[in-house]
């Protein structure tokens, strides 16, 4: 369990999932927030290997945007450039290396949400 971050909690409640009563509405709030807040493209490093992704821990890749997939409260995907291909990988396995402050905050907010 992550320590409670009051500033982040307020941002999540008042900006991201405000007026969202169902899990589907909350998921749409998250995807909208991430799409509007992250400045594409940006560099990330893989912080966790996952069965659904080809990335290895420590690998650095460029995030190009967000794929058009069904929004979820447990999994948000980003489109990366990898081995001359574009593919979607879970945002939870990535940490910004070279990105704007807004992008770093958005990714950090998502990680916080998943860990609470």
N, C-alpha and C. Protein backbone atom coordinates (compact mmCIF):
# COMPACT_ATOMS: atom_id res chain seq x y z
N UNK A 1 0.85 -1.19 0.00
CA UNK A 1 0.00 0.00 0.00
C UNK A 1 0.88 1.24 0.00
N UNK A 2 0.54 2.19 -0.82
CA UNK A 2 1.27 3.44 -0.94
C UNK A 2 0.81 4.42 0.14
N UNK A 3 1.76 5.22 0.67
CA UNK A 3 1.37 6.27 1.61
C UNK A 3 0.40 7.22 0.93
N UNK A 4 -0.56 7.70 1.67
CA UNK A 4 -1.58 8.59 1.12
C UNK A 4 -0.95 9.95 0.79
N UNK A 5 -1.16 10.41 -0.41
CA UNK A 5 -0.66 11.70 -0.89
C UNK A 5 -1.88 12.59 -1.11
N UNK A 6 -2.13 13.49 -0.17
CA UNK A 6 -3.36 14.30 -0.19
C UNK A 6 -3.49 15.15 -1.45
N UNK A 7 -2.39 15.74 -1.91
CA UNK A 7 -2.44 16.57 -3.12
C UNK A 7 -2.83 15.72 -4.34
N UNK A 8 -2.23 14.56 -4.42
CA UNK A 8 -2.53 13.65 -5.53
C UNK A 8 -3.97 13.13 -5.43
N UNK A 9 -4.39 12.78 -4.22
CA UNK A 9 -5.77 12.31 -4.01
C UNK A 9 -6.78 13.37 -4.47
N UNK A 10 -6.51 14.62 -4.14
CA UNK A 10 -7.42 15.70 -4.54
C UNK A 10 -7.44 15.85 -6.06
N UNK A 11 -6.27 15.78 -6.70
CA UNK A 11 -6.21 15.88 -8.16
C UNK A 11 -7.01 14.73 -8.80
N UNK A 12 -6.85 13.53 -8.28
CA UNK A 12 -7.57 12.38 -8.83
C UNK A 12 -9.07 12.58 -8.66
N UNK A 13 -9.49 12.98 -7.47
CA UNK A 13 -10.93 13.13 -7.19
C UNK A 13 -11.55 14.32 -7.93
N UNK A 14 -10.82 15.43 -8.03
CA UNK A 14 -11.40 16.67 -8.57
C UNK A 14 -11.15 16.89 -10.06
N UNK A 15 -10.15 16.22 -10.63
CA UNK A 15 -9.84 16.44 -12.04
C UNK A 15 -10.01 15.18 -12.91
N UNK A 16 -9.66 14.03 -12.36
CA UNK A 16 -9.59 12.82 -13.19
C UNK A 16 -10.90 12.04 -13.16
N UNK A 17 -11.40 11.75 -11.96
CA UNK A 17 -12.62 10.94 -11.88
C UNK A 17 -13.81 11.75 -11.37
N UNK A 18 -13.72 13.07 -11.44
CA UNK A 18 -14.82 13.92 -11.01
C UNK A 18 -16.08 13.57 -11.81
N UNK A 19 -17.20 13.50 -11.13
CA UNK A 19 -18.49 13.17 -11.75
C UNK A 19 -18.53 11.79 -12.39
N UNK A 20 -17.61 10.92 -12.05
CA UNK A 20 -17.61 9.55 -12.58
C UNK A 20 -18.19 8.62 -11.51
N UNK A 21 -19.31 8.03 -11.82
CA UNK A 21 -19.99 7.20 -10.82
C UNK A 21 -19.78 5.71 -11.02
N UNK A 22 -19.46 5.30 -12.21
CA UNK A 22 -19.22 3.88 -12.47
C UNK A 22 -17.74 3.67 -12.78
N UNK A 23 -17.32 2.43 -12.74
CA UNK A 23 -15.93 2.12 -13.07
C UNK A 23 -15.63 2.46 -14.53
N UNK A 24 -16.59 2.25 -15.41
CA UNK A 24 -16.39 2.61 -16.82
C UNK A 24 -16.15 4.12 -16.97
N UNK A 25 -16.93 4.92 -16.25
CA UNK A 25 -16.76 6.38 -16.31
C UNK A 25 -15.41 6.79 -15.73
N UNK A 26 -14.98 6.14 -14.65
CA UNK A 26 -13.67 6.43 -14.07
C UNK A 26 -12.56 6.08 -15.06
N UNK A 27 -12.70 4.96 -15.74
CA UNK A 27 -11.69 4.53 -16.73
C UNK A 27 -11.59 5.55 -17.85
N UNK A 28 -12.73 6.06 -18.31
CA UNK A 28 -12.73 7.10 -19.36
C UNK A 28 -12.06 8.36 -18.83
N UNK A 29 -12.33 8.72 -17.57
CA UNK A 29 -11.67 9.88 -16.96
C UNK A 29 -10.16 9.73 -16.97
N UNK A 30 -9.68 8.54 -16.65
CA UNK A 30 -8.24 8.29 -16.64
C UNK A 30 -7.64 8.40 -18.03
N UNK A 31 -8.27 7.77 -19.02
CA UNK A 31 -7.69 7.79 -20.36
C UNK A 31 -7.70 9.21 -20.91
N UNK A 32 -8.74 9.97 -20.61
CA UNK A 32 -8.81 11.37 -21.05
C UNK A 32 -7.71 12.19 -20.39
N UNK A 33 -7.54 12.02 -19.08
CA UNK A 33 -6.49 12.74 -18.35
C UNK A 33 -5.11 12.42 -18.91
N UNK A 34 -4.83 11.14 -19.10
CA UNK A 34 -3.51 10.75 -19.60
C UNK A 34 -3.26 11.28 -21.01
N UNK A 35 -4.25 11.16 -21.88
CA UNK A 35 -4.09 11.66 -23.26
C UNK A 35 -3.87 13.16 -23.30
N UNK A 36 -4.59 13.89 -22.45
CA UNK A 36 -4.50 15.35 -22.46
C UNK A 36 -3.30 15.89 -21.69
N UNK A 37 -2.75 15.12 -20.77
CA UNK A 37 -1.68 15.62 -19.90
C UNK A 37 -0.29 15.23 -20.37
N UNK A 38 -0.17 14.02 -20.92
CA UNK A 38 1.16 13.59 -21.36
C UNK A 38 1.54 14.26 -22.67
N UNK A 39 2.79 14.71 -22.75
CA UNK A 39 3.32 15.36 -23.96
C UNK A 39 4.11 14.34 -24.76
N UNK A 40 3.53 13.89 -25.86
CA UNK A 40 4.15 12.87 -26.71
C UNK A 40 5.03 13.53 -27.76
N UNK A 41 6.11 12.89 -28.17
CA UNK A 41 6.69 11.65 -27.65
C UNK A 41 7.55 11.94 -26.43
N UNK A 42 7.86 10.90 -25.65
CA UNK A 42 8.78 11.03 -24.52
C UNK A 42 9.47 9.69 -24.27
N UNK A 43 10.61 9.78 -23.60
CA UNK A 43 11.43 8.59 -23.33
C UNK A 43 11.04 7.99 -21.98
N UNK A 44 10.99 6.65 -21.95
CA UNK A 44 10.69 5.92 -20.72
C UNK A 44 11.66 4.76 -20.55
N UNK A 45 11.71 4.28 -19.33
CA UNK A 45 12.49 3.08 -19.04
C UNK A 45 11.54 2.04 -18.45
N UNK A 46 11.75 0.80 -18.84
CA UNK A 46 10.96 -0.30 -18.30
C UNK A 46 11.41 -0.57 -16.86
N UNK A 47 10.46 -0.54 -15.93
CA UNK A 47 10.78 -0.76 -14.51
C UNK A 47 10.31 -2.13 -14.02
N UNK A 48 9.59 -2.85 -14.88
CA UNK A 48 9.04 -4.14 -14.48
C UNK A 48 8.75 -4.97 -15.73
N UNK A 49 9.22 -6.20 -15.74
CA UNK A 49 8.91 -7.09 -16.87
C UNK A 49 7.53 -7.70 -16.66
N UNK A 50 6.74 -7.73 -17.74
CA UNK A 50 5.39 -8.28 -17.69
C UNK A 50 5.21 -9.31 -18.79
N UNK A 51 4.41 -10.30 -18.54
CA UNK A 51 4.15 -11.37 -19.50
C UNK A 51 3.53 -10.86 -20.79
N UNK A 52 2.77 -9.76 -20.70
CA UNK A 52 2.05 -9.23 -21.88
C UNK A 52 2.88 -8.24 -22.69
N UNK A 53 4.15 -8.05 -22.32
CA UNK A 53 4.99 -7.06 -22.98
C UNK A 53 6.37 -7.64 -23.28
N UNK A 54 6.96 -7.25 -24.42
CA UNK A 54 8.29 -7.76 -24.76
C UNK A 54 9.43 -7.00 -24.07
N UNK A 55 9.12 -5.93 -23.36
CA UNK A 55 10.18 -5.10 -22.78
C UNK A 55 10.88 -5.78 -21.62
N UNK A 56 12.18 -5.56 -21.55
CA UNK A 56 12.98 -6.08 -20.45
C UNK A 56 13.30 -4.94 -19.49
N UNK A 57 13.41 -5.26 -18.20
CA UNK A 57 13.70 -4.27 -17.18
C UNK A 57 14.98 -3.52 -17.56
N UNK A 58 14.91 -2.18 -17.49
CA UNK A 58 16.05 -1.34 -17.82
C UNK A 58 16.06 -0.86 -19.26
N UNK A 59 15.25 -1.47 -20.11
CA UNK A 59 15.19 -1.09 -21.52
C UNK A 59 14.54 0.30 -21.65
N UNK A 60 15.11 1.12 -22.53
CA UNK A 60 14.59 2.47 -22.77
C UNK A 60 13.93 2.52 -24.14
N UNK A 61 12.72 3.10 -24.18
CA UNK A 61 11.97 3.22 -25.43
C UNK A 61 11.29 4.58 -25.48
N UNK A 62 10.73 4.91 -26.63
CA UNK A 62 10.01 6.17 -26.84
C UNK A 62 8.51 5.89 -26.89
N UNK A 63 7.76 6.65 -26.09
CA UNK A 63 6.30 6.57 -26.11
C UNK A 63 5.79 7.56 -27.16
N UNK A 64 4.97 7.05 -28.09
CA UNK A 64 4.47 7.87 -29.20
C UNK A 64 3.07 8.40 -28.96
N UNK A 65 2.27 7.70 -28.17
CA UNK A 65 0.89 8.10 -27.94
C UNK A 65 0.15 7.02 -27.20
N UNK A 66 -1.18 7.03 -27.35
CA UNK A 66 -2.02 6.03 -26.70
C UNK A 66 -2.82 5.30 -27.77
N UNK A 67 -2.86 3.97 -27.68
CA UNK A 67 -3.62 3.19 -28.67
C UNK A 67 -5.12 3.32 -28.40
N UNK A 68 -5.91 3.00 -29.39
CA UNK A 68 -7.35 3.03 -29.19
C UNK A 68 -7.78 1.65 -28.69
N UNK A 69 -7.76 1.51 -27.37
CA UNK A 69 -8.21 0.27 -26.72
C UNK A 69 -9.29 0.64 -25.71
N UNK A 70 -10.04 -0.34 -25.29
CA UNK A 70 -11.09 -0.13 -24.30
C UNK A 70 -10.46 0.36 -23.00
N UNK A 71 -10.92 1.52 -22.45
CA UNK A 71 -10.35 2.02 -21.20
C UNK A 71 -10.61 1.05 -20.04
N UNK A 72 -9.67 1.00 -19.12
CA UNK A 72 -9.77 0.11 -17.97
C UNK A 72 -9.20 0.80 -16.74
N UNK A 73 -9.72 0.46 -15.58
CA UNK A 73 -9.20 1.03 -14.33
C UNK A 73 -7.97 0.28 -13.84
N UNK A 74 -7.65 -0.84 -14.41
CA UNK A 74 -6.50 -1.63 -13.99
C UNK A 74 -5.36 -1.59 -14.99
N UNK A 75 -5.63 -1.18 -16.20
CA UNK A 75 -4.60 -1.24 -17.24
C UNK A 75 -4.79 -0.11 -18.24
N UNK A 76 -3.80 0.74 -18.36
CA UNK A 76 -3.77 1.74 -19.42
C UNK A 76 -2.55 1.42 -20.28
N UNK A 77 -2.73 1.51 -21.58
CA UNK A 77 -1.64 1.20 -22.50
C UNK A 77 -1.14 2.46 -23.18
N UNK A 78 0.13 2.43 -23.57
CA UNK A 78 0.71 3.49 -24.40
C UNK A 78 1.33 2.81 -25.61
N UNK A 79 1.43 3.55 -26.70
CA UNK A 79 2.06 3.04 -27.92
C UNK A 79 3.53 3.43 -27.89
N UNK A 80 4.38 2.43 -28.06
CA UNK A 80 5.83 2.67 -28.06
C UNK A 80 6.41 2.30 -29.42
N UNK A 81 7.63 2.78 -29.63
CA UNK A 81 8.42 2.41 -30.79
C UNK A 81 9.40 1.36 -30.29
N UNK A 82 9.37 0.16 -30.88
CA UNK A 82 10.21 -0.93 -30.41
C UNK A 82 10.62 -1.80 -31.58
N UNK A 83 11.90 -1.95 -31.80
CA UNK A 83 12.43 -2.78 -32.90
C UNK A 83 11.74 -2.47 -34.23
N UNK A 84 11.70 -1.20 -34.59
CA UNK A 84 11.09 -0.75 -35.86
C UNK A 84 9.60 -1.08 -35.96
N UNK A 85 8.94 -1.27 -34.82
CA UNK A 85 7.50 -1.53 -34.79
C UNK A 85 6.84 -0.58 -33.80
N UNK A 86 5.56 -0.44 -33.93
CA UNK A 86 4.76 0.29 -32.95
C UNK A 86 3.86 -0.71 -32.27
N UNK A 87 3.88 -0.72 -30.94
CA UNK A 87 3.01 -1.62 -30.22
C UNK A 87 2.58 -1.03 -28.89
N UNK A 88 1.48 -1.55 -28.35
CA UNK A 88 0.96 -1.08 -27.07
C UNK A 88 1.52 -1.91 -25.93
N UNK A 89 1.94 -1.20 -24.88
CA UNK A 89 2.41 -1.87 -23.66
C UNK A 89 1.77 -1.18 -22.46
N UNK A 90 1.67 -1.87 -21.33
CA UNK A 90 1.06 -1.27 -20.14
C UNK A 90 1.89 -0.10 -19.60
N UNK A 91 1.22 0.99 -19.31
CA UNK A 91 1.89 2.17 -18.74
C UNK A 91 2.49 1.85 -17.38
N UNK A 92 1.91 0.89 -16.67
CA UNK A 92 2.40 0.58 -15.32
C UNK A 92 3.83 0.07 -15.31
N UNK A 93 4.34 -0.41 -16.44
CA UNK A 93 5.70 -0.95 -16.45
C UNK A 93 6.74 0.09 -16.86
N UNK A 94 6.29 1.33 -17.05
CA UNK A 94 7.18 2.36 -17.58
C UNK A 94 7.34 3.53 -16.62
N UNK A 95 8.53 4.12 -16.67
CA UNK A 95 8.82 5.32 -15.88
C UNK A 95 9.50 6.32 -16.80
N UNK A 96 9.02 7.58 -16.80
CA UNK A 96 9.64 8.58 -17.67
C UNK A 96 11.12 8.79 -17.35
N UNK A 97 11.90 8.93 -18.41
CA UNK A 97 13.33 9.23 -18.28
C UNK A 97 13.55 10.67 -18.74
N UNK A 98 13.00 10.97 -19.89
CA UNK A 98 13.10 12.31 -20.45
C UNK A 98 11.70 12.72 -20.88
N UNK A 99 11.04 13.53 -20.02
CA UNK A 99 9.65 13.91 -20.28
C UNK A 99 9.35 15.22 -19.57
N UNK A 100 8.26 15.86 -19.98
CA UNK A 100 7.84 17.11 -19.34
C UNK A 100 7.37 16.82 -17.92
N UNK A 101 7.31 17.87 -17.11
CA UNK A 101 6.81 17.74 -15.74
C UNK A 101 5.38 17.21 -15.73
N UNK A 102 4.55 17.70 -16.65
CA UNK A 102 3.16 17.23 -16.72
C UNK A 102 3.11 15.73 -17.02
N UNK A 103 3.95 15.29 -17.93
CA UNK A 103 3.99 13.87 -18.28
C UNK A 103 4.43 13.04 -17.08
N UNK A 104 5.48 13.48 -16.41
CA UNK A 104 5.97 12.76 -15.23
C UNK A 104 4.88 12.67 -14.17
N UNK A 105 4.14 13.77 -13.97
CA UNK A 105 3.07 13.79 -12.99
C UNK A 105 1.95 12.82 -13.38
N UNK A 106 1.56 12.82 -14.65
CA UNK A 106 0.48 11.94 -15.11
C UNK A 106 0.85 10.47 -14.91
N UNK A 107 2.05 10.09 -15.28
CA UNK A 107 2.49 8.70 -15.12
C UNK A 107 2.55 8.35 -13.64
N UNK A 108 3.08 9.26 -12.85
CA UNK A 108 3.17 9.05 -11.40
C UNK A 108 1.78 8.92 -10.78
N UNK A 109 0.82 9.74 -11.25
CA UNK A 109 -0.56 9.64 -10.76
C UNK A 109 -1.13 8.26 -11.06
N UNK A 110 -0.88 7.75 -12.28
CA UNK A 110 -1.39 6.43 -12.66
C UNK A 110 -0.77 5.34 -11.79
N UNK A 111 0.54 5.40 -11.55
CA UNK A 111 1.20 4.41 -10.71
C UNK A 111 0.63 4.47 -9.29
N UNK A 112 0.42 5.67 -8.79
CA UNK A 112 -0.15 5.85 -7.45
C UNK A 112 -1.53 5.20 -7.37
N UNK A 113 -2.38 5.47 -8.38
CA UNK A 113 -3.74 4.92 -8.44
C UNK A 113 -3.70 3.39 -8.37
N UNK A 114 -2.79 2.79 -9.14
CA UNK A 114 -2.70 1.33 -9.18
C UNK A 114 -2.23 0.75 -7.85
N UNK A 115 -1.42 1.49 -7.12
CA UNK A 115 -0.83 0.98 -5.89
C UNK A 115 -1.66 1.26 -4.63
N UNK A 116 -2.78 1.98 -4.79
CA UNK A 116 -3.56 2.29 -3.59
C UNK A 116 -4.59 1.26 -3.24
